[in-house]
C-alpha atoms as a PDB file:
ATOM      1  CA  UNK A   1      29.563 -25.000 -36.392  1.00  0.00           C
ATOM      2  CA  UNK A   2      28.034 -21.685 -35.328  1.00  0.00           C
ATOM      3  CA  UNK A   3      28.423 -18.528 -37.375  1.00  0.00           C
ATOM      4  CA  UNK A   4      31.681 -16.679 -36.713  1.00  0.00           C
ATOM      5  CA  UNK A   5      33.495 -19.778 -35.402  1.00  0.00           C
ATOM      6  CA  UNK A   6      36.616 -20.997 -37.143  1.00  0.00           C
ATOM      7  CA  UNK A   7      37.537 -24.546 -37.922  1.00  0.00           C
ATOM      8  CA  UNK A   8      40.737 -26.068 -36.423  1.00  0.00           C
ATOM      9  CA  UNK A   9      42.371 -25.909 -39.877  1.00  0.00           C
ATOM     10  CA  UNK A  10      41.762 -22.157 -40.098  1.00  0.00           C
ATOM     11  CA  UNK A  11      43.153 -21.598 -36.614  1.00  0.00           C
ATOM     12  CA  UNK A  12      46.369 -23.447 -37.455  1.00  0.00           C
ATOM     13  CA  UNK A  13      46.831 -21.472 -40.638  1.00  0.00           C
ATOM     14  CA  UNK A  14      46.241 -18.208 -38.795  1.00  0.00           C
ATOM     15  CA  UNK A  15      48.660 -19.182 -36.013  1.00  0.00           C
ATOM     16  CA  UNK A  16      51.366 -20.092 -38.544  1.00  0.00           C
ATOM     17  CA  UNK A  17      50.944 -16.789 -40.300  1.00  0.00           C
ATOM     18  CA  UNK A  18      51.209 -14.900 -36.998  1.00  0.00           C
ATOM     19  CA  UNK A  19      54.403 -16.724 -36.047  1.00  0.00           C
ATOM     20  CA  UNK A  20      55.883 -15.916 -39.437  1.00  0.00           C
ATOM     21  CA  UNK A  21      54.993 -12.272 -39.030  1.00  0.00           C
ATOM     22  CA  UNK A  22      56.585 -12.199 -35.580  1.00  0.00           C
ATOM     23  CA  UNK A  23      59.772 -13.786 -36.938  1.00  0.00           C
ATOM     24  CA  UNK A  24      59.863 -11.294 -39.802  1.00  0.00           C
ATOM     25  CA  UNK A  25      59.409  -8.419 -37.363  1.00  0.00           C
ATOM     26  CA  UNK A  26      62.192  -9.743 -35.117  1.00  0.00           C
ATOM     27  CA  UNK A  27      64.604 -10.207 -37.998  1.00  0.00           C
ATOM     28  CA  UNK A  28      63.753  -6.734 -39.316  1.00  0.00           C
ATOM     29  CA  UNK A  29      64.326  -5.202 -35.887  1.00  0.00           C
ATOM     30  CA  UNK A  30      67.646  -7.024 -35.578  1.00  0.00           C
ATOM     31  CA  UNK A  31      68.736  -5.729 -38.965  1.00  0.00           C
ATOM     32  CA  UNK A  32      67.731  -2.184 -38.009  1.00  0.00           C
ATOM     33  CA  UNK A  33      69.685  -2.391 -34.728  1.00  0.00           C
ATOM     34  CA  UNK A  34      72.770  -3.671 -36.558  1.00  0.00           C
ATOM     35  CA  UNK A  35      72.469  -0.873 -39.130  1.00  0.00           C
ATOM     36  CA  UNK A  36      72.242   1.694 -36.313  1.00  0.00           C
ATOM     37  CA  UNK A  37      75.341   0.266 -34.614  1.00  0.00           C
ATOM     38  CA  UNK A  38      77.606   1.145 -37.563  1.00  0.00           C
ATOM     39  CA  UNK A  39      77.263   4.955 -37.297  1.00  0.00           C
ATOM     40  CA  UNK A  40      77.509   4.752 -33.502  1.00  0.00           C
ATOM     41  CA  UNK A  41      80.779   2.807 -33.787  1.00  0.00           C
ATOM     42  CA  UNK A  42      82.111   5.371 -36.263  1.00  0.00           C
ATOM     43  CA  UNK A  43      81.204   8.190 -33.873  1.00  0.00           C
ATOM     44  CA  UNK A  44      83.040   6.564 -30.980  1.00  0.00           C
ATOM     45  CA  UNK A  45      86.225   5.872 -32.958  1.00  0.00           C
ATOM     46  CA  UNK A  46      88.619   8.665 -33.990  1.00  0.00           C
ATOM     47  CA  UNK A  47      89.651   9.470 -37.537  1.00  0.00           C
ATOM     48  CA  UNK A  48      93.381   8.706 -37.484  1.00  0.00           C
ATOM     49  CA  UNK A  49      96.017  10.699 -39.283  1.00  0.00           C
ATOM     50  CA  UNK A  50      99.786  10.560 -39.397  1.00  0.00           C
ATOM     51  CA  UNK A  51     101.887   7.439 -39.667  1.00  0.00           C
ATOM     52  CA  UNK A  52     100.891   4.110 -38.200  1.00  0.00           C
ATOM     53  CA  UNK A  53     103.797   2.541 -36.350  1.00  0.00           C
ATOM     54  CA  UNK A  54     105.798   3.092 -33.192  1.00  0.00           C
ATOM     55  CA  UNK A  55     105.403   6.856 -33.570  1.00  0.00           C
ATOM     56  CA  UNK A  56     103.214   9.380 -35.366  1.00  0.00           C
ATOM     57  CA  UNK A  57     104.602  12.288 -37.367  1.00  0.00           C
ATOM     58  CA  UNK A  58     102.646  15.399 -38.265  1.00  0.00           C
ATOM     59  CA  UNK A  59     103.850  18.727 -39.694  1.00  0.00           C
ATOM     60  CA  UNK A  60     104.393  21.195 -36.846  1.00  0.00           C
ATOM     61  CA  UNK A  61     102.566  23.992 -38.687  1.00  0.00           C
ATOM     62  CA  UNK A  62      99.498  21.749 -39.167  1.00  0.00           C
ATOM     63  CA  UNK A  63      98.524  22.016 -35.504  1.00  0.00           C
ATOM     64  CA  UNK A  64      96.707  25.250 -34.603  1.00  0.00           C
ATOM     65  CA  UNK A  65      96.327  26.619 -31.086  1.00  0.00           C
ATOM     66  CA  UNK A  66      93.750  24.631 -29.071  1.00  0.00           C
ATOM     67  CA  UNK A  67      93.252  22.168 -31.918  1.00  0.00           C
ATOM     68  CA  UNK A  68      93.483  18.421 -31.355  1.00  0.00           C
ATOM     69  CA  UNK A  69      94.914  16.270 -34.133  1.00  0.00           C
ATOM     70  CA  UNK A  70      93.927  12.588 -34.126  1.00  0.00           C
ATOM     71  CA  UNK A  71      96.864  10.198 -34.454  1.00  0.00           C
ATOM     72  CA  UNK A  72      97.742   6.521 -34.140  1.00  0.00           C
ATOM     73  CA  UNK A  73     100.713   5.523 -31.971  1.00  0.00           C
ATOM     74  CA  UNK A  74     101.598   1.830 -31.873  1.00  0.00           C
ATOM     75  CA  UNK A  75      98.170   1.144 -33.377  1.00  0.00           C
ATOM     76  CA  UNK A  76      96.308   2.952 -30.584  1.00  0.00           C
ATOM     77  CA  UNK A  77      94.279   6.153 -31.076  1.00  0.00           C
ATOM     78  CA  UNK A  78      95.640   9.356 -29.586  1.00  0.00           C
ATOM     79  CA  UNK A  79      95.556  13.147 -29.805  1.00  0.00           C
ATOM     80  CA  UNK A  80      98.076  15.945 -30.076  1.00  0.00           C
ATOM     81  CA  UNK A  81      96.946  19.315 -28.650  1.00  0.00           C
ATOM     82  CA  UNK A  82      98.753  22.657 -28.897  1.00  0.00           C
ATOM     83  CA  UNK A  83      98.241  25.021 -25.956  1.00  0.00           C
ATOM     84  CA  UNK A  84      99.958  28.408 -25.505  1.00  0.00           C
ATOM     85  CA  UNK A  85     102.437  26.772 -23.098  1.00  0.00           C
ATOM     86  CA  UNK A  86     103.181  23.399 -24.702  1.00  0.00           C
ATOM     87  CA  UNK A  87     102.227  20.632 -27.128  1.00  0.00           C
ATOM     88  CA  UNK A  88     100.700  17.612 -25.414  1.00  0.00           C
ATOM     89  CA  UNK A  89     100.115  14.128 -26.781  1.00  0.00           C
ATOM     90  CA  UNK A  90      98.057  11.486 -25.036  1.00  0.00           C
ATOM     91  CA  UNK A  91      96.075   8.360 -25.642  1.00  0.00           C
ATOM     92  CA  UNK A  92      92.456   8.761 -26.700  1.00  0.00           C
ATOM     93  CA  UNK A  93      91.445   5.668 -24.723  1.00  0.00           C
ATOM     94  CA  UNK A  94      89.698   6.425 -21.436  1.00  0.00           C
ATOM     95  CA  UNK A  95      91.225   4.449 -18.533  1.00  0.00           C
ATOM     96  CA  UNK A  96      87.778   3.856 -16.989  1.00  0.00           C
ATOM     97  CA  UNK A  97      86.027   1.670 -19.582  1.00  0.00           C
ATOM     98  CA  UNK A  98      88.236   1.924 -22.670  1.00  0.00           C
ATOM     99  CA  UNK A  99      85.971   4.266 -24.640  1.00  0.00           C
ATOM    100  CA  UNK A 100      87.517   6.719 -27.107  1.00  0.00           C
ATOM    101  CA  UNK A 101      87.491  10.289 -25.774  1.00  0.00           C
ATOM    102  CA  UNK A 102      86.563  13.307 -27.904  1.00  0.00           C
ATOM    103  CA  UNK A 103      88.040  16.826 -27.919  1.00  0.00           C
ATOM    104  CA  UNK A 104      85.794  19.777 -27.065  1.00  0.00           C
ATOM    105  CA  UNK A 105      87.620  22.836 -28.412  1.00  0.00           C
ATOM    106  CA  UNK A 106      85.285  25.426 -26.897  1.00  0.00           C
ATOM    107  CA  UNK A 107      85.743  23.999 -23.375  1.00  0.00           C
ATOM    108  CA  UNK A 108      89.351  22.922 -24.049  1.00  0.00           C
ATOM    109  CA  UNK A 109      88.844  19.467 -22.533  1.00  0.00           C
ATOM    110  CA  UNK A 110      88.675  15.861 -23.619  1.00  0.00           C
ATOM    111  CA  UNK A 111      85.422  14.153 -22.654  1.00  0.00           C
ATOM    112  CA  UNK A 112      84.346  10.539 -22.608  1.00  0.00           C
ATOM    113  CA  UNK A 113      81.012  10.028 -24.404  1.00  0.00           C
ATOM    114  CA  UNK A 114      80.434   6.773 -22.474  1.00  0.00           C
ATOM    115  CA  UNK A 115      80.372   8.074 -18.906  1.00  0.00           C
ATOM    116  CA  UNK A 116      81.166  11.795 -18.886  1.00  0.00           C
ATOM    117  CA  UNK A 117      84.736  11.863 -17.587  1.00  0.00           C
ATOM    118  CA  UNK A 118      86.656  15.033 -18.468  1.00  0.00           C
ATOM    119  CA  UNK A 119      90.400  15.399 -19.016  1.00  0.00           C
ATOM    120  CA  UNK A 120      92.726  18.405 -19.390  1.00  0.00           C
ATOM    121  CA  UNK A 121      94.835  18.758 -22.573  1.00  0.00           C
ATOM    122  CA  UNK A 122      97.740  17.160 -20.683  1.00  0.00           C
ATOM    123  CA  UNK A 123      95.565  14.134 -19.781  1.00  0.00           C
ATOM    124  CA  UNK A 124      94.861  15.004 -16.121  1.00  0.00           C
ATOM    125  CA  UNK A 125      91.444  13.939 -14.784  1.00  0.00           C
ATOM    126  CA  UNK A 126      89.172  16.977 -14.315  1.00  0.00           C
ATOM    127  CA  UNK A 127      85.999  15.110 -13.364  1.00  0.00           C
ATOM    128  CA  UNK A 128      84.043  11.908 -13.692  1.00  0.00           C
ATOM    129  CA  UNK A 129      84.671   8.309 -12.708  1.00  0.00           C
ATOM    130  CA  UNK A 130      88.042   7.777 -14.412  1.00  0.00           C
ATOM    131  CA  UNK A 131      90.539   6.314 -11.921  1.00  0.00           C
ATOM    132  CA  UNK A 132      93.614   7.556 -13.800  1.00  0.00           C
ATOM    133  CA  UNK A 133      94.714  10.213 -16.297  1.00  0.00           C
ATOM    134  CA  UNK A 134      95.025   9.588 -20.023  1.00  0.00           C
ATOM    135  CA  UNK A 135      98.321   7.949 -20.964  1.00  0.00           C
ATOM    136  CA  UNK A 136     100.856  10.577 -22.104  1.00  0.00           C
ATOM    137  CA  UNK A 137     103.102  10.200 -25.144  1.00  0.00           C
ATOM    138  CA  UNK A 138     106.500  11.799 -25.624  1.00  0.00           C
ATOM    139  CA  UNK A 139     106.570  14.683 -28.130  1.00  0.00           C
ATOM    140  CA  UNK A 140     109.723  15.757 -29.997  1.00  0.00           C
ATOM    141  CA  UNK A 141     110.463  18.051 -32.962  1.00  0.00           C
ATOM    142  CA  UNK A 142     112.452  16.498 -35.820  1.00  0.00           C
ATOM    143  CA  UNK A 143     112.940  18.037 -39.262  1.00  0.00           C
ATOM    144  CA  UNK A 144     109.950  20.369 -38.913  1.00  0.00           C
ATOM    145  CA  UNK A 145     107.629  17.558 -37.807  1.00  0.00           C
ATOM    146  CA  UNK A 146     106.181  16.659 -34.444  1.00  0.00           C
ATOM    147  CA  UNK A 147     107.136  13.088 -33.572  1.00  0.00           C
ATOM    148  CA  UNK A 148     104.835  11.485 -31.027  1.00  0.00           C
ATOM    149  CA  UNK A 149     105.832   8.307 -29.213  1.00  0.00           C
ATOM    150  CA  UNK A 150     109.063   6.344 -29.449  1.00  0.00           C
ATOM    151  CA  UNK A 151     111.012   6.638 -32.680  1.00  0.00           C
END
């Protein structure tokens, strides 16, 4: 054997080690991607408040002007928004792809982080690819609390 050449045994050992390193890198990358998915999922899902059931109840004085309160109605995420004219409640699920919309207080619109659709506080489509408005929920006042949905 000439100087600098490797024997077949050395080549096999080196190839095994390289495959192991590649597998370790792939499993490490997979773990890192999974770990990154958790905060992304938390960002895209709302923080619910109020009762979970057929309707959500929140104290009427808890909702400030142009604030959006996250709620759950029949297990689905939603928002309640107070404007100078009215209190609106609608689903937080975008009709386009089912992503959870977010409230932008400074612009006074809901926006979909998945594809950029924008919705008015009453759920109307203001722009983007959404084919329909956000689903509206009924709002009523009972015993000093806003009751959203049936119930």
